[in-house]
Amino acid sequence: MAKQQGPTYQPSKIKRIRKFGFLARSSKWTGRNVLKRRRVKGRAKLTASTDFGTKMEKDKKFKRRK
């Protein structure tokens, strides 16, 4: 019998930023350690939110519905 295929990856930028973004990283001590290690290593991009775009793009794409 063949294995059943799982659900395919449906990427969402807002979920990615809320989970792996700078504010999410810096809110817990483990995330702050991640940021510290990446700074020491010399990474150009520390988190997922830093490679997204300008503030204007963020405001336009991530306005919450009221």
Protein backbone atom coordinates (compact mmCIF):
# COMPACT_ATOMS: atom_id res chain seq x y z
CA MET A 1 0.00 0.00 0.00
CA ALA A 2 1.33 3.45 -0.92
CA LYS A 3 1.88 6.21 1.60
CA GLN A 4 -0.73 8.94 1.72
CA GLN A 5 0.52 12.34 0.62
CA GLY A 6 0.33 15.10 3.23
CA PRO A 7 -0.94 18.61 2.72
CA THR A 8 1.24 20.74 0.47
CA TYR A 9 3.01 23.82 1.77
CA GLN A 10 0.81 26.93 1.53
CA PRO A 11 3.15 29.80 2.38
CA SER A 12 1.84 32.89 4.16
CA LYS A 13 4.13 35.88 4.67
CA ILE A 14 2.20 37.20 7.65
CA LYS A 15 2.33 33.86 9.52
CA ARG A 16 6.03 33.56 8.75
CA ILE A 17 6.78 37.03 10.12
CA ARG A 18 4.63 36.58 13.22
CA LYS A 19 6.34 33.28 14.02
CA PHE A 20 9.95 33.94 12.99
CA GLY A 21 10.13 37.74 12.83
CA PHE A 22 12.25 40.10 14.91
CA LEU A 23 9.56 40.86 17.49
CA ALA A 24 8.80 37.18 17.97
CA ARG A 25 12.51 36.38 18.37
CA SER A 26 13.20 39.19 20.80
CA SER A 27 10.20 38.41 23.03
CA LYS A 28 11.76 35.29 24.60
CA TRP A 29 15.25 34.59 25.92
CA THR A 30 15.75 31.69 23.51
CA GLY A 31 14.93 33.95 20.58
CA ARG A 32 17.32 36.60 21.87
CA ASN A 33 20.02 33.93 21.98
CA VAL A 34 19.25 33.11 18.33
CA LEU A 35 19.65 36.77 17.39
CA LYS A 36 22.90 36.98 19.35
CA ARG A 37 24.35 33.91 17.60
CA ARG A 38 23.37 35.25 14.18
CA ARG A 39 24.97 38.64 14.94
CA VAL A 40 28.20 36.95 16.04
CA LYS A 41 28.22 34.85 12.89
CA GLY A 42 27.77 37.99 10.79
CA ARG A 43 24.48 37.20 9.12
CA ALA A 44 23.15 39.88 6.78
CA LYS A 45 19.55 38.99 7.67
CA LEU A 46 18.82 38.28 11.33
CA THR A 47 15.16 37.30 10.98
CA ALA A 48 12.44 36.62 8.46
CA SER A 49 11.02 40.12 8.86
CA THR A 50 14.27 41.84 7.85
CA ASP A 51 14.22 40.38 4.33
CA PHE A 52 10.59 41.23 3.62
CA GLY A 53 10.77 44.81 2.40
CA THR A 54 10.20 48.42 3.31
CA LYS A 55 7.95 49.69 6.07
CA MET A 56 5.48 50.94 3.46
CA GLU A 57 5.13 47.45 1.99
CA LYS A 58 4.59 45.98 5.46
CA ASP A 59 1.90 48.52 6.30
CA LYS A 60 0.14 47.91 3.01
CA LYS A 61 0.19 44.12 3.17
CA PHE A 62 -0.33 43.53 6.88
CA LYS A 63 -3.20 45.81 7.81
CA ARG A 64 -5.39 43.92 10.18
CA ARG A 65 -9.08 43.72 9.44
CA LYS A 66 -11.32 45.36 11.98
